[in-house]
PDB file of N, CA and C in Angstrom:
ATOM      1  N   UNK A   1      27.312 -47.278  42.020  1.00  0.00           N
ATOM      2  CA  UNK A   1      28.135 -48.094  42.239  1.00  0.00           C
ATOM      3  C   UNK A   1      29.445 -47.691  40.821  1.00  0.00           C
ATOM      4  N   UNK A   2      30.385 -47.445  41.068  1.00  0.00           N
ATOM      5  CA  UNK A   2      31.351 -47.341  39.905  1.00  0.00           C
ATOM      6  C   UNK A   2      32.485 -48.811  39.451  1.00  0.00           C
ATOM      7  N   UNK A   3      32.188 -49.027  38.447  1.00  0.00           N
ATOM      8  CA  UNK A   3      32.754 -50.174  37.929  1.00  0.00           C
ATOM      9  C   UNK A   3      34.547 -50.156  39.067  1.00  0.00           C
ATOM     10  N   UNK A   4      34.862 -51.523  39.215  1.00  0.00           N
ATOM     11  CA  UNK A   4      35.940 -51.248  38.691  1.00  0.00           C
ATOM     12  C   UNK A   4      37.206 -51.316  38.028  1.00  0.00           C
ATOM     13  N   UNK A   5      36.659 -52.139  37.108  1.00  0.00           N
ATOM     14  CA  UNK A   5      37.428 -52.097  35.888  1.00  0.00           C
ATOM     15  C   UNK A   5      37.436 -51.066  35.136  1.00  0.00           C
ATOM     16  N   UNK A   6      36.231 -50.067  35.083  1.00  0.00           N
ATOM     17  CA  UNK A   6      36.808 -49.089  33.844  1.00  0.00           C
ATOM     18  C   UNK A   6      37.152 -48.059  34.836  1.00  0.00           C
ATOM     19  N   UNK A   7      37.343 -47.953  35.488  1.00  0.00           N
ATOM     20  CA  UNK A   7      38.235 -46.679  36.918  1.00  0.00           C
ATOM     21  C   UNK A   7      39.881 -47.346  36.448  1.00  0.00           C
ATOM     22  N   UNK A   8      40.438 -48.161  36.524  1.00  0.00           N
ATOM     23  CA  UNK A   8      41.704 -48.835  35.998  1.00  0.00           C
ATOM     24  C   UNK A   8      42.357 -48.324  34.557  1.00  0.00           C
ATOM     25  N   UNK A   9      40.859 -48.335  33.457  1.00  0.00           N
ATOM     26  CA  UNK A   9      41.315 -48.080  32.543  1.00  0.00           C
ATOM     27  C   UNK A   9      40.035 -47.012  32.274  1.00  0.00           C
ATOM     28  N   UNK A  10      40.745 -45.183  32.668  1.00  0.00           N
ATOM     29  CA  UNK A  10      40.059 -44.153  31.625  1.00  0.00           C
ATOM     30  C   UNK A  10      39.590 -43.884  30.442  1.00  0.00           C
ATOM     31  N   UNK A  11      38.721 -43.352  30.192  1.00  0.00           N
ATOM     32  CA  UNK A  11      38.444 -43.249  28.970  1.00  0.00           C
ATOM     33  C   UNK A  11      38.889 -42.027  28.486  1.00  0.00           C
ATOM     34  N   UNK A  12      39.762 -42.317  27.227  1.00  0.00           N
ATOM     35  CA  UNK A  12      40.836 -41.285  26.534  1.00  0.00           C
ATOM     36  C   UNK A  12      39.887 -39.767  25.814  1.00  0.00           C
ATOM     37  N   UNK A  13      39.625 -39.048  26.223  1.00  0.00           N
ATOM     38  CA  UNK A  13      38.618 -38.162  25.825  1.00  0.00           C
ATOM     39  C   UNK A  13      39.555 -36.984  24.934  1.00  0.00           C
ATOM     40  N   UNK A  14      40.620 -36.827  24.803  1.00  0.00           N
ATOM     41  CA  UNK A  14      41.787 -35.636  23.654  1.00  0.00           C
ATOM     42  C   UNK A  14      42.932 -36.615  23.444  1.00  0.00           C
ATOM     43  N   UNK A  15      43.155 -36.217  22.136  1.00  0.00           N
ATOM     44  CA  UNK A  15      44.397 -36.335  21.302  1.00  0.00           C
ATOM     45  C   UNK A  15      45.351 -35.242  21.764  1.00  0.00           C
ATOM     46  N   UNK A  16      45.602 -34.556  22.830  1.00  0.00           N
ATOM     47  CA  UNK A  16      46.420 -33.638  23.068  1.00  0.00           C
ATOM     48  C   UNK A  16      47.894 -33.827  22.788  1.00  0.00           C
ATOM     49  N   UNK A  17      49.013 -33.565  22.402  1.00  0.00           N
ATOM     50  CA  UNK A  17      50.008 -34.046  22.173  1.00  0.00           C
ATOM     51  C   UNK A  17      50.934 -32.835  23.306  1.00  0.00           C
ATOM     52  N   UNK A  18      52.422 -33.344  23.575  1.00  0.00           N
ATOM     53  CA  UNK A  18      53.301 -32.881  24.204  1.00  0.00           C
ATOM     54  C   UNK A  18      53.024 -31.200  24.656  1.00  0.00           C
ATOM     55  N   UNK A  19      53.232 -31.087  26.050  1.00  0.00           N
ATOM     56  CA  UNK A  19      53.501 -29.333  25.775  1.00  0.00           C
ATOM     57  C   UNK A  19      54.683 -28.855  25.133  1.00  0.00           C
ATOM     58  N   UNK A  20      54.969 -27.145  24.894  1.00  0.00           N
ATOM     59  CA  UNK A  20      56.004 -27.166  24.411  1.00  0.00           C
ATOM     60  C   UNK A  20      57.040 -26.815  25.198  1.00  0.00           C
ATOM     61  N   UNK A  21      57.030 -26.987  26.475  1.00  0.00           N
ATOM     62  CA  UNK A  21      58.095 -27.294  27.551  1.00  0.00           C
ATOM     63  C   UNK A  21      58.864 -28.504  27.415  1.00  0.00           C
ATOM     64  N   UNK A  22      57.767 -29.503  27.429  1.00  0.00           N
ATOM     65  CA  UNK A  22      58.365 -30.921  27.173  1.00  0.00           C
ATOM     66  C   UNK A  22      58.786 -31.509  26.226  1.00  0.00           C
ATOM     67  N   UNK A  23      57.951 -30.469  24.382  1.00  0.00           N
ATOM     68  CA  UNK A  23      58.458 -31.769  23.267  1.00  0.00           C
ATOM     69  C   UNK A  23      59.868 -30.780  23.368  1.00  0.00           C
ATOM     70  N   UNK A  24      60.431 -29.261  23.621  1.00  0.00           N
ATOM     71  CA  UNK A  24      61.387 -27.955  23.435  1.00  0.00           C
ATOM     72  C   UNK A  24      62.931 -29.093  23.863  1.00  0.00           C
ATOM     73  N   UNK A  25      62.419 -29.637  25.340  1.00  0.00           N
ATOM     74  CA  UNK A  25      63.376 -30.428  26.547  1.00  0.00           C
ATOM     75  C   UNK A  25      63.780 -31.952  25.294  1.00  0.00           C
ATOM     76  N   UNK A  26      62.624 -32.268  24.544  1.00  0.00           N
ATOM     77  CA  UNK A  26      63.202 -33.962  23.665  1.00  0.00           C
ATOM     78  C   UNK A  26      63.602 -33.075  22.998  1.00  0.00           C
ATOM     79  N   UNK A  27      63.604 -32.153  22.249  1.00  0.00           N
ATOM     80  CA  UNK A  27      64.247 -31.798  20.967  1.00  0.00           C
ATOM     81  C   UNK A  27      66.049 -31.274  21.736  1.00  0.00           C
ATOM     82  N   UNK A  28      65.579 -30.573  22.164  1.00  0.00           N
ATOM     83  CA  UNK A  28      67.039 -30.419  23.258  1.00  0.00           C
ATOM     84  C   UNK A  28      68.760 -31.687  23.413  1.00  0.00           C
ATOM     85  N   UNK A  29      67.895 -32.632  24.171  1.00  0.00           N
ATOM     86  CA  UNK A  29      68.159 -33.995  24.871  1.00  0.00           C
ATOM     87  C   UNK A  29      68.700 -34.479  23.291  1.00  0.00           C
ATOM     88  N   UNK A  30      68.249 -34.300  22.097  1.00  0.00           N
ATOM     89  CA  UNK A  30      68.193 -35.768  21.101  1.00  0.00           C
ATOM     90  C   UNK A  30      69.518 -34.453  20.155  1.00  0.00           C
ATOM     91  N   UNK A  31      69.744 -33.087  20.371  1.00  0.00           N
ATOM     92  CA  UNK A  31      70.841 -32.396  19.938  1.00  0.00           C
ATOM     93  C   UNK A  31      71.918 -32.266  20.833  1.00  0.00           C
ATOM     94  N   UNK A  32      71.762 -32.623  22.242  1.00  0.00           N
ATOM     95  CA  UNK A  32      73.265 -32.350  22.918  1.00  0.00           C
ATOM     96  C   UNK A  32      73.407 -33.930  23.016  1.00  0.00           C
ATOM     97  N   UNK A  33      72.948 -35.126  22.569  1.00  0.00           N
ATOM     98  CA  UNK A  33      73.491 -36.256  22.171  1.00  0.00           C
ATOM     99  C   UNK A  33      74.325 -36.760  20.874  1.00  0.00           C
ATOM    100  N   UNK A  34      73.533 -35.681  20.226  1.00  0.00           N
ATOM    101  CA  UNK A  34      73.969 -35.637  18.330  1.00  0.00           C
ATOM    102  C   UNK A  34      75.214 -34.793  18.399  1.00  0.00           C
ATOM    103  N   UNK A  35      75.210 -33.840  19.237  1.00  0.00           N
ATOM    104  CA  UNK A  35      76.157 -32.914  19.427  1.00  0.00           C
ATOM    105  C   UNK A  35      77.727 -34.217  19.895  1.00  0.00           C
ATOM    106  N   UNK A  36      77.008 -34.389  20.993  1.00  0.00           N
ATOM    107  CA  UNK A  36      78.158 -35.136  21.957  1.00  0.00           C
ATOM    108  C   UNK A  36      79.116 -35.712  21.446  1.00  0.00           C
ATOM    109  N   UNK A  37      78.234 -36.321  20.427  1.00  0.00           N
ATOM    110  CA  UNK A  37      79.120 -37.448  19.782  1.00  0.00           C
ATOM    111  C   UNK A  37      80.130 -36.667  18.372  1.00  0.00           C
ATOM    112  N   UNK A  38      80.141 -36.173  17.568  1.00  0.00           N
ATOM    113  CA  UNK A  38      81.166 -35.719  17.371  1.00  0.00           C
ATOM    114  C   UNK A  38      82.419 -35.723  18.059  1.00  0.00           C
ATOM    115  N   UNK A  39      82.657 -35.136  19.225  1.00  0.00           N
ATOM    116  CA  UNK A  39      83.724 -34.559  19.786  1.00  0.00           C
ATOM    117  C   UNK A  39      84.732 -36.679  19.802  1.00  0.00           C
ATOM    118  N   UNK A  40      83.569 -37.349  20.358  1.00  0.00           N
ATOM    119  CA  UNK A  40      84.431 -38.369  20.517  1.00  0.00           C
ATOM    120  C   UNK A  40      84.887 -38.892  18.519  1.00  0.00           C
ATOM    121  N   UNK A  41      84.382 -38.923  18.092  1.00  0.00           N
ATOM    122  CA  UNK A  41      84.589 -38.881  16.652  1.00  0.00           C
ATOM    123  C   UNK A  41      85.699 -38.134  16.284  1.00  0.00           C
ATOM    124  N   UNK A  42      86.138 -36.935  16.412  1.00  0.00           N
ATOM    125  CA  UNK A  42      86.966 -36.493  16.613  1.00  0.00           C
ATOM    126  C   UNK A  42      88.113 -36.938  17.160  1.00  0.00           C
ATOM    127  N   UNK A  43      88.196 -37.274  18.242  1.00  0.00           N
ATOM    128  CA  UNK A  43      89.283 -38.127  19.695  1.00  0.00           C
ATOM    129  C   UNK A  43      89.698 -38.679  18.904  1.00  0.00           C
ATOM    130  N   UNK A  44      88.984 -39.779  18.305  1.00  0.00           N
ATOM    131  CA  UNK A  44      89.087 -41.300  17.523  1.00  0.00           C
ATOM    132  C   UNK A  44      90.012 -41.466  16.083  1.00  0.00           C
ATOM    133  N   UNK A  45      90.123 -39.567  15.990  1.00  0.00           N
ATOM    134  CA  UNK A  45      89.922 -39.574  14.614  1.00  0.00           C
ATOM    135  C   UNK A  45      92.144 -39.607  14.960  1.00  0.00           C
ATOM    136  N   UNK A  46      92.176 -38.450  15.218  1.00  0.00           N
ATOM    137  CA  UNK A  46      93.161 -38.061  16.093  1.00  0.00           C
ATOM    138  C   UNK A  46      94.215 -39.608  16.761  1.00  0.00           C
ATOM    139  N   UNK A  47      93.536 -39.823  17.428  1.00  0.00           N
ATOM    140  CA  UNK A  47      93.785 -41.651  18.080  1.00  0.00           C
ATOM    141  C   UNK A  47      94.296 -42.493  16.584  1.00  0.00           C
ATOM    142  N   UNK A  48      93.521 -42.576  15.801  1.00  0.00           N
ATOM    143  CA  UNK A  48      93.936 -43.051  14.586  1.00  0.00           C
ATOM    144  C   UNK A  48      94.582 -42.029  13.548  1.00  0.00           C
ATOM    145  N   UNK A  49      95.745 -41.555  13.971  1.00  0.00           N
ATOM    146  CA  UNK A  49      95.981 -40.691  12.367  1.00  0.00           C
ATOM    147  C   UNK A  49      97.044 -42.474  12.180  1.00  0.00           C
ATOM    148  N   UNK A  50      97.760 -43.244  12.589  1.00  0.00           N
ATOM    149  CA  UNK A  50      98.552 -44.191  11.885  1.00  0.00           C
ATOM    150  C   UNK A  50      97.867 -44.759  10.772  1.00  0.00           C
ATOM    151  N   UNK A  51      96.557 -44.680  11.185  1.00  0.00           N
ATOM    152  CA  UNK A  51      95.763 -45.785  10.167  1.00  0.00           C
ATOM    153  C   UNK A  51      95.422 -44.516   8.922  1.00  0.00           C
ATOM    154  N   UNK A  52      95.581 -44.194   8.322  1.00  0.00           N
ATOM    155  CA  UNK A  52      94.853 -42.941   7.591  1.00  0.00           C
ATOM    156  C   UNK A  52      93.429 -42.964   6.981  1.00  0.00           C
ATOM    157  N   UNK A  53      92.835 -44.260   6.601  1.00  0.00           N
ATOM    158  CA  UNK A  53      91.534 -44.467   5.955  1.00  0.00           C
ATOM    159  C   UNK A  53      90.662 -45.131   7.268  1.00  0.00           C
ATOM    160  N   UNK A  54      91.044 -44.797   8.428  1.00  0.00           N
ATOM    161  CA  UNK A  54      90.303 -45.042   9.645  1.00  0.00           C
ATOM    162  C   UNK A  54      89.735 -43.854  10.326  1.00  0.00           C
ATOM    163  N   UNK A  55      91.067 -42.673  10.049  1.00  0.00           N
ATOM    164  CA  UNK A  55      90.988 -41.567  10.164  1.00  0.00           C
ATOM    165  C   UNK A  55      90.321 -40.545   9.667  1.00  0.00           C
ATOM    166  N   UNK A  56      90.187 -40.470   8.211  1.00  0.00           N
ATOM    167  CA  UNK A  56      89.470 -40.081   7.413  1.00  0.00           C
ATOM    168  C   UNK A  56      88.032 -40.231   7.589  1.00  0.00           C
ATOM    169  N   UNK A  57      87.740 -41.936   7.719  1.00  0.00           N
ATOM    170  CA  UNK A  57      86.648 -41.892   7.792  1.00  0.00           C
ATOM    171  C   UNK A  57      85.228 -41.289   9.032  1.00  0.00           C
ATOM    172  N   UNK A  58      86.029 -41.772  10.035  1.00  0.00           N
ATOM    173  CA  UNK A  58      85.521 -40.855  10.750  1.00  0.00           C
ATOM    174  C   UNK A  58      85.686 -39.250  11.758  1.00  0.00           C
ATOM    175  N   UNK A  59      86.167 -38.565  10.663  1.00  0.00           N
ATOM    176  CA  UNK A  59      86.008 -37.379  10.527  1.00  0.00           C
ATOM    177  C   UNK A  59      85.493 -37.167   9.875  1.00  0.00           C
ATOM    178  N   UNK A  60      85.087 -37.910   8.567  1.00  0.00           N
ATOM    179  CA  UNK A  60      83.985 -37.432   7.399  1.00  0.00           C
ATOM    180  C   UNK A  60      82.598 -37.868   8.170  1.00  0.00           C
ATOM    181  N   UNK A  61      82.357 -38.921   9.472  1.00  0.00           N
ATOM    182  CA  UNK A  61      81.399 -38.449   9.890  1.00  0.00           C
ATOM    183  C   UNK A  61      80.845 -37.837  10.704  1.00  0.00           C
ATOM    184  N   UNK A  62      82.236 -37.561  11.528  1.00  0.00           N
ATOM    185  CA  UNK A  62      81.621 -36.163  12.031  1.00  0.00           C
ATOM    186  C   UNK A  62      81.763 -34.873  11.499  1.00  0.00           C
ATOM    187  N   UNK A  63      81.710 -34.889  10.264  1.00  0.00           N
ATOM    188  CA  UNK A  63      81.134 -33.647   9.278  1.00  0.00           C
ATOM    189  C   UNK A  63      80.257 -32.951   9.429  1.00  0.00           C
ATOM    190  N   UNK A  64      79.220 -34.119   9.135  1.00  0.00           N
ATOM    191  CA  UNK A  64      77.709 -33.401   8.944  1.00  0.00           C
ATOM    192  C   UNK A  64      76.920 -33.632  10.155  1.00  0.00           C
ATOM    193  N   UNK A  65      77.718 -34.005  11.170  1.00  0.00           N
ATOM    194  CA  UNK A  65      77.391 -33.784  12.049  1.00  0.00           C
ATOM    195  C   UNK A  65      76.666 -32.580  12.948  1.00  0.00           C
ATOM    196  N   UNK A  66      76.835 -31.827  12.786  1.00  0.00           N
ATOM    197  CA  UNK A  66      76.570 -30.132  13.461  1.00  0.00           C
ATOM    198  C   UNK A  66      74.860 -30.055  12.698  1.00  0.00           C
ATOM    199  N   UNK A  67      75.352 -30.353  11.031  1.00  0.00           N
ATOM    200  CA  UNK A  67      73.624 -30.118  10.637  1.00  0.00           C
ATOM    201  C   UNK A  67      72.707 -30.426  10.601  1.00  0.00           C
ATOM    202  N   UNK A  68      73.258 -31.999  10.641  1.00  0.00           N
ATOM    203  CA  UNK A  68      72.239 -33.425  11.167  1.00  0.00           C
ATOM    204  C   UNK A  68      71.146 -32.948  12.170  1.00  0.00           C
ATOM    205  N   UNK A  69      72.421 -32.664  13.343  1.00  0.00           N
ATOM    206  CA  UNK A  69      71.477 -32.218  15.214  1.00  0.00           C
ATOM    207  C   UNK A  69      70.834 -31.021  14.651  1.00  0.00           C
ATOM    208  N   UNK A  70      70.963 -30.350  14.177  1.00  0.00           N
ATOM    209  CA  UNK A  70      70.111 -28.991  13.979  1.00  0.00           C
ATOM    210  C   UNK A  70      68.234 -29.427  13.372  1.00  0.00           C
ATOM    211  N   UNK A  71      68.491 -30.253  12.203  1.00  0.00           N
ATOM    212  CA  UNK A  71      67.828 -30.776  10.895  1.00  0.00           C
ATOM    213  C   UNK A  71      66.896 -31.509  12.502  1.00  0.00           C
ATOM    214  N   UNK A  72      67.538 -32.561  13.247  1.00  0.00           N
ATOM    215  CA  UNK A  72      66.494 -32.926  13.690  1.00  0.00           C
ATOM    216  C   UNK A  72      66.272 -32.402  14.743  1.00  0.00           C
ATOM    217  N   UNK A  73      66.743 -31.744  15.443  1.00  0.00           N
ATOM    218  CA  UNK A  73      66.509 -30.810  17.011  1.00  0.00           C
ATOM    219  C   UNK A  73      65.117 -30.161  16.151  1.00  0.00           C
ATOM    220  N   UNK A  74      65.475 -29.622  15.025  1.00  0.00           N
ATOM    221  CA  UNK A  74      64.178 -28.262  14.970  1.00  0.00           C
ATOM    222  C   UNK A  74      62.563 -29.268  14.092  1.00  0.00           C
ATOM    223  N   UNK A  75      63.183 -30.392  14.170  1.00  0.00           N
ATOM    224  CA  UNK A  75      61.654 -31.121  13.506  1.00  0.00           C
ATOM    225  C   UNK A  75      60.454 -31.719  14.746  1.00  0.00           C
ATOM    226  N   UNK A  76      59.622 -31.721  14.268  1.00  0.00           N
ATOM    227  CA  UNK A  76      58.375 -32.109  15.248  1.00  0.00           C
ATOM    228  C   UNK A  76      59.028 -33.885  15.398  1.00  0.00           C
ATOM    229  N   UNK A  77      58.229 -33.679  17.223  1.00  0.00           N
ATOM    230  CA  UNK A  77      58.589 -35.381  17.631  1.00  0.00           C
ATOM    231  C   UNK A  77      57.525 -36.158  16.724  1.00  0.00           C
ATOM    232  N   UNK A  78      57.723 -37.817  16.680  1.00  0.00           N
ATOM    233  CA  UNK A  78      56.753 -37.904  15.679  1.00  0.00           C
ATOM    234  C   UNK A  78      55.544 -38.076  17.084  1.00  0.00           C
ATOM    235  N   UNK A  79      54.259 -38.739  16.249  1.00  0.00           N
ATOM    236  CA  UNK A  79      53.435 -38.684  17.281  1.00  0.00           C
ATOM    237  C   UNK A  79      52.851 -40.009  18.477  1.00  0.00           C
ATOM    238  N   UNK A  80      52.865 -39.974  19.656  1.00  0.00           N
ATOM    239  CA  UNK A  80      53.141 -41.319  19.212  1.00  0.00           C
ATOM    240  C   UNK A  80      51.767 -42.186  19.222  1.00  0.00           C
ATOM    241  N   UNK A  81      52.096 -43.503  18.488  1.00  0.00           N
ATOM    242  CA  UNK A  81      51.091 -44.683  18.486  1.00  0.00           C
ATOM    243  C   UNK A  81      50.494 -44.985  19.639  1.00  0.00           C
ATOM    244  N   UNK A  82      49.233 -44.687  20.034  1.00  0.00           N
ATOM    245  CA  UNK A  82      48.729 -45.574  21.729  1.00  0.00           C
ATOM    246  C   UNK A  82      47.219 -46.864  21.425  1.00  0.00           C
ATOM    247  N   UNK A  83      47.145 -47.024  21.767  1.00  0.00           N
ATOM    248  CA  UNK A  83      46.375 -47.959  22.448  1.00  0.00           C
ATOM    249  C   UNK A  83      45.152 -47.056  23.169  1.00  0.00           C
ATOM    250  N   UNK A  84      44.494 -46.504  22.303  1.00  0.00           N
ATOM    251  CA  UNK A  84      43.210 -45.628  23.471  1.00  0.00           C
ATOM    252  C   UNK A  84      41.890 -46.167  23.813  1.00  0.00           C
ATOM    253  N   UNK A  85      41.726 -46.447  24.905  1.00  0.00           N
ATOM    254  CA  UNK A  85      40.424 -46.575  25.158  1.00  0.00           C
ATOM    255  C   UNK A  85      39.659 -45.376  24.987  1.00  0.00           C
ATOM    256  N   UNK A  86      38.957 -45.269  23.655  1.00  0.00           N
ATOM    257  CA  UNK A  86      37.726 -44.410  23.430  1.00  0.00           C
ATOM    258  C   UNK A  86      37.051 -44.900  23.587  1.00  0.00           C
ATOM    259  N   UNK A  87      35.494 -43.683  24.086  1.00  0.00           N
ATOM    260  CA  UNK A  87      34.177 -44.281  24.654  1.00  0.00           C
ATOM    261  C   UNK A  87      33.370 -44.920  23.102  1.00  0.00           C
ATOM    262  N   UNK A  88      33.223 -45.751  23.878  1.00  0.00           N
ATOM    263  CA  UNK A  88      32.080 -46.866  22.000  1.00  0.00           C
ATOM    264  C   UNK A  88      30.469 -47.071  22.926  1.00  0.00           C
ATOM    265  N   UNK A  89      29.933 -46.244  22.639  1.00  0.00           N
ATOM    266  CA  UNK A  89      28.661 -46.465  23.144  1.00  0.00           C
ATOM    267  C   UNK A  89      27.532 -47.434  22.593  1.00  0.00           C
ATOM    268  N   UNK A  90      27.229 -48.049  23.534  1.00  0.00           N
ATOM    269  CA  UNK A  90      26.718 -49.648  23.086  1.00  0.00           C
ATOM    270  C   UNK A  90      25.006 -49.420  22.134  1.00  0.00           C
ATOM    271  N   UNK A  91      25.389 -49.330  20.904  1.00  0.00           N
ATOM    272  CA  UNK A  91      25.108 -49.610  19.422  1.00  0.00           C
ATOM    273  C   UNK A  91      23.513 -50.576  19.012  1.00  0.00           C
ATOM    274  N   UNK A  92      23.675 -51.670  20.291  1.00  0.00           N
ATOM    275  CA  UNK A  92      22.859 -52.890  19.934  1.00  0.00           C
ATOM    276  C   UNK A  92      21.573 -52.554  20.765  1.00  0.00           C
ATOM    277  N   UNK A  93      21.782 -51.086  21.824  1.00  0.00           N
ATOM    278  CA  UNK A  93      19.970 -50.700  22.060  1.00  0.00           C
ATOM    279  C   UNK A  93      19.348 -50.275  21.083  1.00  0.00           C
ATOM    280  N   UNK A  94      19.819 -49.435  20.268  1.00  0.00           N
ATOM    281  CA  UNK A  94      19.114 -48.987  19.538  1.00  0.00           C
ATOM    282  C   UNK A  94      18.560 -50.001  18.349  1.00  0.00           C
ATOM    283  N   UNK A  95      19.520 -51.135  18.339  1.00  0.00           N
ATOM    284  CA  UNK A  95      18.741 -52.434  17.709  1.00  0.00           C
ATOM    285  C   UNK A  95      17.809 -52.836  17.559  1.00  0.00           C
ATOM    286  N   UNK A  96      17.616 -53.058  19.047  1.00  0.00           N
ATOM    287  CA  UNK A  96      16.656 -53.866  19.745  1.00  0.00           C
ATOM    288  C   UNK A  96      15.138 -53.213  19.710  1.00  0.00           C
ATOM    289  N   UNK A  97      15.519 -52.214  19.835  1.00  0.00           N
ATOM    290  CA  UNK A  97      13.911 -51.589  20.632  1.00  0.00           C
ATOM    291  C   UNK A  97      13.271 -51.913  18.615  1.00  0.00           C
ATOM    292  N   UNK A  98      11.969 -51.851  19.322  1.00  0.00           N
ATOM    293  CA  UNK A  98      11.053 -52.200  18.087  1.00  0.00           C
ATOM    294  C   UNK A  98      10.745 -51.039  16.945  1.00  0.00           C
ATOM    295  N   UNK A  99      10.896 -50.841  15.749  1.00  0.00           N
ATOM    296  CA  UNK A  99      10.556 -49.528  15.201  1.00  0.00           C
ATOM    297  C   UNK A  99       9.516 -49.923  14.387  1.00  0.00           C
ATOM    298  N   UNK A 100       8.788 -48.426  14.203  1.00  0.00           N
ATOM    299  CA  UNK A 100       7.655 -48.106  13.839  1.00  0.00           C
ATOM    300  C   UNK A 100       7.713 -48.362  12.334  1.00  0.00           C
ATOM    301  N   UNK A 101       6.819 -48.718  11.521  1.00  0.00           N
ATOM    302  CA  UNK A 101       6.780 -48.870   9.931  1.00  0.00           C
ATOM    303  C   UNK A 101       5.496 -48.471   9.541  1.00  0.00           C
ATOM    304  N   UNK A 102       6.123 -47.446   9.193  1.00  0.00           N
ATOM    305  CA  UNK A 102       4.642 -46.451   8.077  1.00  0.00           C
ATOM    306  C   UNK A 102       4.980 -47.171   6.343  1.00  0.00           C
ATOM    307  N   UNK A 103       3.252 -47.694   6.643  1.00  0.00           N
ATOM    308  CA  UNK A 103       2.593 -48.159   5.370  1.00  0.00           C
ATOM    309  C   UNK A 103       2.531 -46.444   4.327  1.00  0.00           C
ATOM    310  N   UNK A 104       2.580 -46.852   2.908  1.00  0.00           N
ATOM    311  CA  UNK A 104       2.500 -46.039   1.791  1.00  0.00           C
ATOM    312  C   UNK A 104       0.905 -46.494   1.420  1.00  0.00           C
TER     313      UNK A 104
END
């Protein structure tokens, strides 16, 4: 009979990464978010044209965003750190049995 506790907590047998399609979708999502930040920064710079230091700061922040978005989107996703349930054999059984001693 199967143990219900083990059924709810399966053993991890692989460290498989995300599929290519899932990873590509995540990278596209990051790219869209970063590029989406550029337009509001430029619009805010135009709104605050009467405060030159603020307008210039917002423009300077928006300049490297396309470069950073491409670099970050082309980078691989970090590996997830999981608390994996890996199989641990019962090693005590080996230690408990009697061992033959060979005297020379």
